Amino acid sequence: MPVVVCGRNEALVEELRGDGIEHTFGWVDDMPGLMHACDVLVQNAGGLTSLEALAAGLPVASYRCIPGHGQTNADALEEAGLAAWIRDPADLGPVLAELLHGPRGRAQRAVGLDLHRLAPGPVTAIAARTGQQPTPHAQPAVRRFPGQRRIALTAVTMAATACLGVAAPLAYAYNETPARFTAVAHYLDGDGR
């Protein structure tokens, strides 16, 4: 049974509900609660939603990824073994079945939970997994994992995606109305002008 979150796209919410998808939501305040009620996350951009899913032990599938950072994130997440990137619609059903009941889903759950369980935060856990010196907050005995470069690449990609949360609205504001860009830029620089 699909559970769909559309953010602020109310037109899409109404369209999907009209198509009979009962559990369709707009903006939600309890994404972790929804994730704990689901078996697999299917997403198209990678970003922080994927990190939330990994923290919840929820397998992640990237599907119909948006160009640019969506495809870059999907590639990095797949290379790190943190998500499946479904490129062909015919593969959607089989990959979801594998993530639900197969070894690939169990492996994703374990890696995602380890990323958040090894230390007090994902940055420390990623540093530990890449063989760097643990910070004073890390647990003393840290397991070493293969694919250290892939984990570091995934961490960098996730950080870049978080930065896009600021850069993308700025680019939109600049392209739409230069005056809007100036207003957003003044807000971000914090000088109150």
N, C-alpha and C. Protein backbone atom coordinates (compact mmCIF):
# COMPACT_ATOMS: atom_id res chain seq x y z
N MET A 1 0.85 -1.17 0.00
CA MET A 1 0.00 0.00 0.00
C MET A 1 0.90 1.23 0.00
N PRO A 2 0.79 2.09 -1.01
CA PRO A 2 1.67 3.26 -1.06
C PRO A 2 1.26 4.34 -0.07
N VAL A 3 2.27 4.99 0.49
CA VAL A 3 2.10 6.18 1.31
C VAL A 3 2.91 7.25 0.58
N VAL A 4 2.24 8.34 0.17
CA VAL A 4 2.89 9.35 -0.66
C VAL A 4 2.90 10.68 0.08
N VAL A 5 4.07 11.31 0.13
CA VAL A 5 4.21 12.63 0.72
C VAL A 5 4.59 13.59 -0.41
N CYS A 6 3.76 14.62 -0.60
CA CYS A 6 3.93 15.55 -1.73
C CYS A 6 4.45 16.91 -1.31
N GLY A 7 4.77 17.10 -0.05
CA GLY A 7 5.24 18.41 0.39
C GLY A 7 4.15 19.45 0.22
N ARG A 8 4.50 20.57 -0.36
CA ARG A 8 3.54 21.67 -0.52
C ARG A 8 2.81 21.62 -1.86
N ASN A 9 2.92 20.53 -2.59
CA ASN A 9 2.26 20.39 -3.88
C ASN A 9 0.84 19.85 -3.68
N GLU A 10 -0.07 20.74 -3.31
CA GLU A 10 -1.45 20.34 -3.01
C GLU A 10 -2.18 19.82 -4.24
N ALA A 11 -1.84 20.34 -5.43
CA ALA A 11 -2.47 19.84 -6.66
C ALA A 11 -2.15 18.36 -6.85
N LEU A 12 -0.90 17.97 -6.57
CA LEU A 12 -0.52 16.56 -6.69
C LEU A 12 -1.24 15.71 -5.64
N VAL A 13 -1.39 16.24 -4.43
CA VAL A 13 -2.13 15.52 -3.39
C VAL A 13 -3.54 15.20 -3.89
N GLU A 14 -4.23 16.20 -4.41
CA GLU A 14 -5.61 16.01 -4.89
C GLU A 14 -5.66 15.04 -6.07
N GLU A 15 -4.68 15.16 -6.99
CA GLU A 15 -4.65 14.25 -8.14
C GLU A 15 -4.48 12.80 -7.70
N LEU A 16 -3.54 12.57 -6.80
CA LEU A 16 -3.28 11.20 -6.34
C LEU A 16 -4.45 10.64 -5.54
N ARG A 17 -5.05 11.47 -4.72
CA ARG A 17 -6.25 11.02 -3.98
C ARG A 17 -7.37 10.69 -4.96
N GLY A 18 -7.50 11.51 -6.01
CA GLY A 18 -8.50 11.25 -7.05
C GLY A 18 -8.23 9.94 -7.79
N ASP A 19 -6.95 9.55 -7.85
CA ASP A 19 -6.57 8.27 -8.48
C ASP A 19 -6.73 7.09 -7.53
N GLY A 20 -7.21 7.37 -6.30
CA GLY A 20 -7.47 6.29 -5.36
C GLY A 20 -6.34 5.97 -4.41
N ILE A 21 -5.28 6.78 -4.37
CA ILE A 21 -4.19 6.54 -3.43
C ILE A 21 -4.59 7.20 -2.12
N GLU A 22 -5.09 6.38 -1.22
CA GLU A 22 -5.72 6.85 0.02
C GLU A 22 -4.76 7.58 0.95
N HIS A 23 -3.56 7.05 1.10
CA HIS A 23 -2.60 7.61 2.06
C HIS A 23 -1.67 8.60 1.36
N THR A 24 -2.23 9.73 0.93
CA THR A 24 -1.48 10.79 0.27
C THR A 24 -1.51 12.01 1.17
N PHE A 25 -0.33 12.58 1.41
CA PHE A 25 -0.20 13.70 2.32
C PHE A 25 0.48 14.86 1.62
N GLY A 26 0.19 16.06 2.09
CA GLY A 26 0.94 17.25 1.67
C GLY A 26 2.14 17.38 2.60
N TRP A 27 2.31 18.56 3.16
CA TRP A 27 3.40 18.79 4.10
C TRP A 27 3.11 18.02 5.39
N VAL A 28 4.12 17.33 5.93
CA VAL A 28 3.96 16.59 7.18
C VAL A 28 5.00 17.05 8.20
N ASP A 29 4.61 17.01 9.46
CA ASP A 29 5.53 17.39 10.53
C ASP A 29 6.18 16.17 11.19
N ASP A 30 5.68 14.97 10.87
CA ASP A 30 6.20 13.76 11.51
C ASP A 30 6.68 12.76 10.46
N MET A 31 7.69 13.15 9.69
CA MET A 31 8.24 12.24 8.68
C MET A 31 8.81 10.98 9.32
N PRO A 32 9.51 11.06 10.47
CA PRO A 32 10.00 9.82 11.09
C PRO A 32 8.86 8.86 11.42
N GLY A 33 7.73 9.37 11.88
CA GLY A 33 6.59 8.51 12.19
C GLY A 33 6.08 7.80 10.95
N LEU A 34 5.98 8.53 9.84
CA LEU A 34 5.57 7.89 8.58
C LEU A 34 6.59 6.85 8.13
N MET A 35 7.86 7.17 8.28
CA MET A 35 8.89 6.23 7.85
C MET A 35 8.84 4.94 8.67
N HIS A 36 8.56 5.05 9.95
CA HIS A 36 8.47 3.85 10.79
C HIS A 36 7.27 3.00 10.43
N ALA A 37 6.28 3.60 9.76
CA ALA A 37 5.10 2.85 9.33
C ALA A 37 5.29 2.22 7.96
N CYS A 38 6.40 2.52 7.29
CA CYS A 38 6.65 2.04 5.92
C CYS A 38 7.71 0.95 5.90
N ASP A 39 7.78 0.27 4.76
CA ASP A 39 8.76 -0.80 4.60
C ASP A 39 9.92 -0.43 3.70
N VAL A 40 9.70 0.51 2.76
CA VAL A 40 10.74 0.95 1.82
C VAL A 40 10.45 2.41 1.48
N LEU A 41 11.50 3.22 1.36
CA LEU A 41 11.37 4.60 0.89
C LEU A 41 11.74 4.64 -0.58
N VAL A 42 10.85 5.18 -1.41
CA VAL A 42 11.15 5.42 -2.82
C VAL A 42 11.21 6.93 -2.96
N GLN A 43 12.35 7.45 -3.40
CA GLN A 43 12.55 8.89 -3.48
C GLN A 43 13.28 9.23 -4.77
N ASN A 44 13.34 10.54 -5.10
CA ASN A 44 13.96 10.92 -6.38
C ASN A 44 15.07 11.95 -6.24
N ALA A 45 15.47 12.33 -5.02
CA ALA A 45 16.48 13.37 -4.90
C ALA A 45 17.68 12.99 -4.03
N GLY A 46 17.54 12.08 -3.10
CA GLY A 46 18.68 11.64 -2.29
C GLY A 46 18.75 12.30 -0.93
N GLY A 47 19.01 13.50 -0.82
CA GLY A 47 19.14 14.37 0.33
C GLY A 47 18.83 13.86 1.72
N LEU A 48 18.30 14.75 2.51
CA LEU A 48 18.09 14.48 3.93
C LEU A 48 17.02 13.43 4.18
N THR A 49 16.06 13.29 3.28
CA THR A 49 15.04 12.26 3.45
C THR A 49 15.70 10.88 3.46
N SER A 50 16.71 10.70 2.63
CA SER A 50 17.44 9.42 2.62
C SER A 50 18.16 9.20 3.95
N LEU A 51 18.77 10.26 4.49
CA LEU A 51 19.43 10.11 5.79
C LEU A 51 18.43 9.75 6.88
N GLU A 52 17.26 10.36 6.85
CA GLU A 52 16.21 10.02 7.83
C GLU A 52 15.82 8.55 7.69
N ALA A 53 15.68 8.09 6.46
CA ALA A 53 15.32 6.69 6.23
C ALA A 53 16.40 5.76 6.75
N LEU A 54 17.66 6.09 6.47
CA LEU A 54 18.76 5.25 6.95
C LEU A 54 18.77 5.19 8.47
N ALA A 55 18.50 6.31 9.13
CA ALA A 55 18.46 6.33 10.60
C ALA A 55 17.32 5.48 11.13
N ALA A 56 16.25 5.35 10.35
CA ALA A 56 15.10 4.53 10.77
C ALA A 56 15.25 3.07 10.35
N GLY A 57 16.35 2.72 9.68
CA GLY A 57 16.53 1.34 9.22
C GLY A 57 15.61 1.01 8.07
N LEU A 58 15.26 2.01 7.28
CA LEU A 58 14.33 1.85 6.16
C LEU A 58 15.13 1.76 4.86
N PRO A 59 15.00 0.66 4.10
CA PRO A 59 15.70 0.58 2.83
C PRO A 59 15.26 1.70 1.89
N VAL A 60 16.20 2.17 1.07
CA VAL A 60 15.95 3.31 0.19
C VAL A 60 16.10 2.87 -1.26
N ALA A 61 15.15 3.30 -2.08
CA ALA A 61 15.22 3.10 -3.54
C ALA A 61 15.12 4.47 -4.19
N SER A 62 16.02 4.75 -5.11
CA SER A 62 15.98 5.97 -5.90
C SER A 62 15.31 5.63 -7.22
N TYR A 63 14.31 6.43 -7.61
CA TYR A 63 13.53 6.13 -8.82
C TYR A 63 13.12 7.43 -9.49
N ARG A 64 13.23 7.47 -10.81
CA ARG A 64 12.90 8.66 -11.60
C ARG A 64 13.58 9.90 -11.00
N CYS A 65 14.88 9.78 -10.80
CA CYS A 65 15.65 10.83 -10.13
C CYS A 65 15.66 12.11 -10.94
N ILE A 66 15.59 13.21 -10.21
CA ILE A 66 15.65 14.51 -10.87
C ILE A 66 17.07 14.72 -11.38
N PRO A 67 17.22 15.40 -12.53
CA PRO A 67 18.56 15.65 -13.07
C PRO A 67 19.41 16.45 -12.09
N GLY A 68 20.69 16.33 -12.23
CA GLY A 68 21.61 17.07 -11.37
C GLY A 68 21.84 16.34 -10.06
N HIS A 69 21.54 17.01 -8.94
CA HIS A 69 21.87 16.43 -7.65
C HIS A 69 21.09 15.16 -7.36
N GLY A 70 19.88 14.99 -7.90
CA GLY A 70 19.12 13.76 -7.68
C GLY A 70 19.84 12.55 -8.25
N GLN A 71 20.31 12.67 -9.48
CA GLN A 71 21.03 11.55 -10.11
C GLN A 71 22.41 11.35 -9.49
N THR A 72 23.07 12.45 -9.13
CA THR A 72 24.38 12.33 -8.48
C THR A 72 24.25 11.63 -7.13
N ASN A 73 23.24 12.02 -6.35
CA ASN A 73 23.01 11.37 -5.06
C ASN A 73 22.66 9.90 -5.23
N ALA A 74 21.80 9.59 -6.21
CA ALA A 74 21.40 8.20 -6.44
C ALA A 74 22.62 7.34 -6.76
N ASP A 75 23.50 7.88 -7.58
CA ASP A 75 24.72 7.15 -7.95
C ASP A 75 25.61 6.91 -6.73
N ALA A 76 25.82 7.96 -5.92
CA ALA A 76 26.67 7.83 -4.75
C ALA A 76 26.06 6.88 -3.71
N LEU A 77 24.75 7.00 -3.49
CA LEU A 77 24.09 6.12 -2.52
C LEU A 77 24.15 4.66 -2.98
N GLU A 78 23.97 4.44 -4.28
CA GLU A 78 24.04 3.07 -4.79
C GLU A 78 25.45 2.52 -4.68
N GLU A 79 26.45 3.34 -5.05
CA GLU A 79 27.84 2.88 -4.98
C GLU A 79 28.25 2.54 -3.56
N ALA A 80 27.70 3.27 -2.58
CA ALA A 80 28.02 3.01 -1.18
C ALA A 80 27.22 1.85 -0.59
N GLY A 81 26.28 1.30 -1.37
CA GLY A 81 25.46 0.21 -0.87
C GLY A 81 24.35 0.67 0.06
N LEU A 82 24.03 1.98 0.02
CA LEU A 82 23.02 2.53 0.91
C LEU A 82 21.64 2.62 0.25
N ALA A 83 21.58 2.53 -1.06
CA ALA A 83 20.29 2.64 -1.76
C ALA A 83 20.38 1.94 -3.10
N ALA A 84 19.24 1.48 -3.57
CA ALA A 84 19.14 0.91 -4.92
C ALA A 84 18.69 2.02 -5.87
N TRP A 85 19.34 2.13 -7.02
CA TRP A 85 18.92 3.12 -8.02
C TRP A 85 18.20 2.35 -9.12
N ILE A 86 16.90 2.55 -9.22
CA ILE A 86 16.07 1.86 -10.21
C ILE A 86 15.98 2.77 -11.44
N ARG A 87 16.63 2.36 -12.53
CA ARG A 87 16.67 3.18 -13.74
C ARG A 87 15.58 2.79 -14.74
N ASP A 88 15.11 1.57 -14.68
CA ASP A 88 14.14 1.06 -15.64
C ASP A 88 12.83 0.76 -14.91
N PRO A 89 11.70 1.32 -15.38
CA PRO A 89 10.42 1.07 -14.72
C PRO A 89 10.10 -0.42 -14.55
N ALA A 90 10.58 -1.24 -15.46
CA ALA A 90 10.31 -2.68 -15.36
C ALA A 90 11.01 -3.30 -14.14
N ASP A 91 12.03 -2.64 -13.62
CA ASP A 91 12.77 -3.16 -12.46
C ASP A 91 12.16 -2.73 -11.13
N LEU A 92 11.20 -1.81 -11.16
CA LEU A 92 10.65 -1.27 -9.92
C LEU A 92 10.09 -2.37 -9.02
N GLY A 93 9.19 -3.20 -9.52
CA GLY A 93 8.58 -4.26 -8.73
C GLY A 93 9.58 -5.24 -8.17
N PRO A 94 10.45 -5.82 -9.02
CA PRO A 94 11.43 -6.78 -8.50
C PRO A 94 12.39 -6.19 -7.46
N VAL A 95 12.85 -4.96 -7.68
CA VAL A 95 13.78 -4.36 -6.73
C VAL A 95 13.07 -4.08 -5.40
N LEU A 96 11.83 -3.59 -5.48
CA LEU A 96 11.09 -3.35 -4.23
C LEU A 96 10.88 -4.65 -3.47
N ALA A 97 10.57 -5.74 -4.18
CA ALA A 97 10.40 -7.04 -3.52
C ALA A 97 11.71 -7.47 -2.85
N GLU A 98 12.83 -7.23 -3.53
CA GLU A 98 14.14 -7.58 -2.98
C GLU A 98 14.46 -6.74 -1.74
N LEU A 99 14.08 -5.47 -1.77
CA LEU A 99 14.32 -4.60 -0.61
C LEU A 99 13.39 -4.96 0.55
N LEU A 100 12.21 -5.41 0.25
CA LEU A 100 11.26 -5.79 1.30
C LEU A 100 11.65 -7.08 1.99
N HIS A 101 12.01 -8.09 1.20
CA HIS A 101 12.16 -9.44 1.76
C HIS A 101 13.50 -10.11 1.51
N GLY A 102 14.39 -9.47 0.77
CA GLY A 102 15.61 -10.14 0.37
C GLY A 102 16.85 -9.66 1.13
N PRO A 103 17.99 -10.26 0.80
CA PRO A 103 19.24 -9.90 1.47
C PRO A 103 19.65 -8.45 1.22
N ARG A 104 19.28 -7.91 0.06
CA ARG A 104 19.63 -6.52 -0.23
C ARG A 104 18.94 -5.57 0.76
N GLY A 105 17.69 -5.82 1.07
CA GLY A 105 16.97 -5.00 2.04
C GLY A 105 17.55 -5.14 3.43
N ARG A 106 17.88 -6.38 3.82
CA ARG A 106 18.48 -6.59 5.15
C ARG A 106 19.83 -5.89 5.24
N ALA A 107 20.62 -5.95 4.17
CA ALA A 107 21.93 -5.29 4.17
C ALA A 107 21.78 -3.77 4.28
N GLN A 108 20.83 -3.20 3.53
CA GLN A 108 20.61 -1.75 3.62
C GLN A 108 20.18 -1.33 5.01
N ARG A 109 19.28 -2.10 5.61
CA ARG A 109 18.83 -1.77 6.97
C ARG A 109 20.01 -1.76 7.95
N ALA A 110 20.85 -2.78 7.86
CA ALA A 110 21.98 -2.90 8.77
C ALA A 110 22.98 -1.76 8.58
N VAL A 111 23.32 -1.45 7.33
CA VAL A 111 24.29 -0.39 7.07
C VAL A 111 23.73 0.96 7.51
N GLY A 112 22.46 1.22 7.21
CA GLY A 112 21.85 2.48 7.60
C GLY A 112 21.82 2.66 9.11
N LEU A 113 21.43 1.61 9.82
CA LEU A 113 21.39 1.70 11.27
C LEU A 113 22.79 1.82 11.86
N ASP A 114 23.76 1.08 11.31
CA ASP A 114 25.14 1.19 11.79
C ASP A 114 25.68 2.60 11.62
N LEU A 115 25.33 3.23 10.52
CA LEU A 115 25.80 4.58 10.25
C LEU A 115 25.40 5.53 11.37
N HIS A 116 24.26 5.30 11.97
CA HIS A 116 23.76 6.17 13.02
C HIS A 116 23.99 5.62 14.42
N ARG A 117 24.27 4.34 14.53
CA ARG A 117 24.43 3.71 15.84
C ARG A 117 25.87 3.71 16.32
N LEU A 118 26.83 3.73 15.42
CA LEU A 118 28.23 3.58 15.80
C LEU A 118 28.73 4.72 16.67
N ALA A 119 28.15 5.88 16.52
CA ALA A 119 28.62 7.05 17.25
C ALA A 119 27.44 8.01 17.42
N PRO A 120 27.65 9.11 18.13
CA PRO A 120 26.54 10.00 18.41
C PRO A 120 25.99 10.77 17.21
N GLY A 121 26.44 10.52 16.03
CA GLY A 121 25.90 11.21 14.86
C GLY A 121 26.47 10.63 13.59
N PRO A 122 25.82 10.88 12.46
CA PRO A 122 26.28 10.28 11.21
C PRO A 122 27.65 10.78 10.77
N VAL A 123 28.01 12.02 11.07
CA VAL A 123 29.32 12.53 10.65
C VAL A 123 30.42 11.74 11.33
N THR A 124 30.28 11.52 12.64
CA THR A 124 31.27 10.76 13.38
C THR A 124 31.31 9.32 12.89
N ALA A 125 30.14 8.74 12.63
CA ALA A 125 30.09 7.36 12.15
C ALA A 125 30.74 7.24 10.78
N ILE A 126 30.50 8.21 9.92
CA ILE A 126 31.11 8.18 8.58
C ILE A 126 32.62 8.31 8.70
N ALA A 127 33.08 9.21 9.56
CA ALA A 127 34.52 9.35 9.77
C ALA A 127 35.12 8.04 10.26
N ALA A 128 34.44 7.37 11.18
CA ALA A 128 34.93 6.10 11.70
C ALA A 128 34.96 5.04 10.60
N ARG A 129 33.93 5.03 9.75
CA ARG A 129 33.85 4.03 8.68
C ARG A 129 34.89 4.27 7.61
N THR A 130 35.35 5.50 7.45
CA THR A 130 36.34 5.78 6.42
C THR A 130 37.76 5.63 6.94
N GLY A 131 37.91 5.19 8.19
CA GLY A 131 39.23 4.92 8.73
C GLY A 131 39.90 6.13 9.34
N GLN A 132 39.21 7.24 9.48
CA GLN A 132 39.80 8.42 10.09
C GLN A 132 39.78 8.25 11.61
N GLN A 133 40.54 9.09 12.28
CA GLN A 133 40.58 9.02 13.73
C GLN A 133 39.22 9.36 14.31
N PRO A 134 38.68 8.51 15.18
CA PRO A 134 37.40 8.84 15.81
C PRO A 134 37.54 10.09 16.67
N THR A 135 36.48 10.85 16.74
CA THR A 135 36.48 12.02 17.61
C THR A 135 36.34 11.55 19.04
N PRO A 136 36.57 12.43 20.02
CA PRO A 136 36.44 12.01 21.42
C PRO A 136 35.05 11.49 21.76
N HIS A 137 34.03 11.85 20.96
CA HIS A 137 32.67 11.41 21.25
C HIS A 137 32.38 10.01 20.71
N ALA A 138 33.25 9.48 19.85
CA ALA A 138 32.98 8.19 19.23
C ALA A 138 33.19 7.06 20.24
N GLN A 139 32.54 5.95 19.99
CA GLN A 139 32.73 4.78 20.83
C GLN A 139 34.14 4.26 20.62
N PRO A 140 34.78 3.70 21.64
CA PRO A 140 36.17 3.29 21.51
C PRO A 140 36.40 2.18 20.48
N ALA A 141 35.53 1.20 20.41
CA ALA A 141 35.72 0.11 19.46
C ALA A 141 34.81 0.33 18.26
N VAL A 142 35.40 0.70 17.14
CA VAL A 142 34.62 1.00 15.94
C VAL A 142 34.97 -0.03 14.87
N ARG A 143 33.94 -0.66 14.33
CA ARG A 143 34.14 -1.63 13.25
C ARG A 143 34.61 -0.92 12.00
N ARG A 144 35.50 -1.53 11.25
CA ARG A 144 35.93 -0.99 9.97
C ARG A 144 35.14 -1.68 8.87
N PHE A 145 34.75 -0.94 7.86
CA PHE A 145 33.92 -1.46 6.79
C PHE A 145 34.62 -1.29 5.45
N PRO A 146 34.34 -2.18 4.49
CA PRO A 146 34.86 -1.96 3.14
C PRO A 146 34.12 -0.81 2.49
N GLY A 147 34.68 -0.29 1.41
CA GLY A 147 34.02 0.77 0.67
C GLY A 147 34.18 2.13 1.35
N GLN A 148 35.33 2.36 1.97
CA GLN A 148 35.52 3.60 2.71
C GLN A 148 35.40 4.83 1.82
N ARG A 149 35.92 4.77 0.61
CA ARG A 149 35.82 5.90 -0.31
C ARG A 149 34.37 6.19 -0.66
N ARG A 150 33.60 5.12 -0.85
CA ARG A 150 32.18 5.31 -1.21
C ARG A 150 31.41 5.98 -0.09
N ILE A 151 31.70 5.61 1.15
CA ILE A 151 31.01 6.23 2.29
C ILE A 151 31.38 7.71 2.37
N ALA A 152 32.65 8.03 2.19
CA ALA A 152 33.06 9.43 2.22
C ALA A 152 32.39 10.21 1.09
N LEU A 153 32.33 9.62 -0.09
CA LEU A 153 31.66 10.27 -1.22
C LEU A 153 30.19 10.49 -0.92
N THR A 154 29.55 9.53 -0.29
CA THR A 154 28.14 9.68 0.07
C THR A 154 27.97 10.82 1.07
N ALA A 155 28.86 10.90 2.06
CA ALA A 155 28.76 11.98 3.05
C ALA A 155 28.91 13.34 2.39
N VAL A 156 29.85 13.46 1.47
CA VAL A 156 30.04 14.72 0.76
C VAL A 156 28.82 15.05 -0.09
N THR A 157 28.26 14.05 -0.75
CA THR A 157 27.07 14.27 -1.57
C THR A 157 25.90 14.70 -0.71
N MET A 158 25.72 14.07 0.45
CA MET A 158 24.63 14.46 1.34
C MET A 158 24.82 15.90 1.82
N ALA A 159 26.06 16.28 2.14
CA ALA A 159 26.31 17.66 2.58
C ALA A 159 26.01 18.64 1.45
N ALA A 160 26.40 18.27 0.23
CA ALA A 160 26.11 19.14 -0.91
C ALA A 160 24.61 19.28 -1.12
N THR A 161 23.89 18.21 -0.92
CA THR A 161 22.43 18.27 -1.06
C THR A 161 21.83 19.19 -0.02
N ALA A 162 22.33 19.12 1.20
CA ALA A 162 21.83 20.02 2.25
C ALA A 162 22.11 21.47 1.87
N CYS A 163 23.28 21.72 1.29
CA CYS A 163 23.61 23.08 0.85
C CYS A 163 22.66 23.55 -0.24
N LEU A 164 22.19 22.64 -1.05
CA LEU A 164 21.25 23.02 -2.10
C LEU A 164 19.94 23.54 -1.52
N GLY A 165 19.66 23.20 -0.28
CA GLY A 165 18.48 23.75 0.37
C GLY A 165 18.57 25.27 0.50
N VAL A 166 19.78 25.81 0.47
CA VAL A 166 19.96 27.26 0.47
C VAL A 166 20.23 27.75 -0.95
N ALA A 167 21.10 27.05 -1.69
CA ALA A 167 21.50 27.51 -3.02
C ALA A 167 20.37 27.48 -4.03
N ALA A 168 19.55 26.43 -4.01
CA ALA A 168 18.48 26.33 -5.00
C ALA A 168 17.46 27.46 -4.86
N PRO A 169 16.98 27.77 -3.63
CA PRO A 169 16.05 28.90 -3.53
C PRO A 169 16.69 30.22 -3.95
N LEU A 170 18.00 30.39 -3.66
CA LEU A 170 18.66 31.62 -4.09
C LEU A 170 18.69 31.71 -5.61
N ALA A 171 19.03 30.60 -6.26
CA ALA A 171 19.08 30.60 -7.73
C ALA A 171 17.69 30.87 -8.30
N TYR A 172 16.68 30.26 -7.72
CA TYR A 172 15.31 30.49 -8.18
C TYR A 172 14.94 31.96 -8.02
N ALA A 173 15.23 32.51 -6.84
CA ALA A 173 14.89 33.90 -6.57
C ALA A 173 15.61 34.83 -7.54
N TYR A 174 16.87 34.54 -7.83
CA TYR A 174 17.64 35.39 -8.74
C TYR A 174 17.09 35.31 -10.15
N ASN A 175 16.76 34.12 -10.61
CA ASN A 175 16.26 33.96 -11.97
C ASN A 175 14.85 34.53 -12.14
N GLU A 176 14.03 34.44 -11.10
CA GLU A 176 12.66 34.92 -11.20
C GLU A 176 12.60 36.44 -11.12
N THR A 177 13.21 37.00 -10.10
CA THR A 177 13.16 38.44 -9.89
C THR A 177 14.43 38.86 -9.16
N PRO A 178 15.29 39.63 -9.82
CA PRO A 178 16.52 40.06 -9.13
C PRO A 178 16.25 40.74 -7.80
N ALA A 179 15.14 41.48 -7.68
CA ALA A 179 14.83 42.14 -6.42
C ALA A 179 14.57 41.11 -5.32
N ARG A 180 13.94 39.98 -5.68
CA ARG A 180 13.68 38.93 -4.70
C ARG A 180 15.01 38.33 -4.23
N PHE A 181 15.96 38.17 -5.15
CA PHE A 181 17.27 37.65 -4.79
C PHE A 181 17.93 38.57 -3.76
N THR A 182 17.86 39.86 -4.00
CA THR A 182 18.47 40.82 -3.08
C THR A 182 17.83 40.70 -1.70
N ALA A 183 16.51 40.56 -1.65
CA ALA A 183 15.82 40.42 -0.37
C ALA A 183 16.26 39.16 0.35
N VAL A 184 16.37 38.04 -0.38
CA VAL A 184 16.79 36.78 0.23
C VAL A 184 18.24 36.88 0.70
N ALA A 185 19.11 37.48 -0.10
CA ALA A 185 20.51 37.62 0.25
C ALA A 185 20.67 38.47 1.51
N HIS A 186 19.92 39.57 1.62
CA HIS A 186 19.99 40.39 2.82
C HIS A 186 19.50 39.64 4.04
N TYR A 187 18.49 38.82 3.87
CA TYR A 187 18.00 38.01 4.99
C TYR A 187 19.08 37.05 5.45
N LEU A 188 19.76 36.41 4.50
CA LEU A 188 20.77 35.40 4.87
C LEU A 188 22.02 36.01 5.48
N ASP A 189 22.38 37.25 5.08
CA ASP A 189 23.62 37.80 5.64
C ASP A 189 23.44 38.32 7.07
N GLY A 190 22.17 38.40 7.52
CA GLY A 190 21.90 38.67 8.93
C GLY A 190 22.18 40.08 9.40
N ASP A 191 22.40 41.02 8.48
CA ASP A 191 22.70 42.38 8.94
C ASP A 191 21.44 43.21 9.15
N GLY A 192 20.25 42.63 8.87
CA GLY A 192 18.99 43.31 9.15
C GLY A 192 18.60 44.36 8.15
N ARG A 193 19.38 44.59 7.09
CA ARG A 193 19.04 45.61 6.09
C ARG A 193 18.32 45.01 4.94
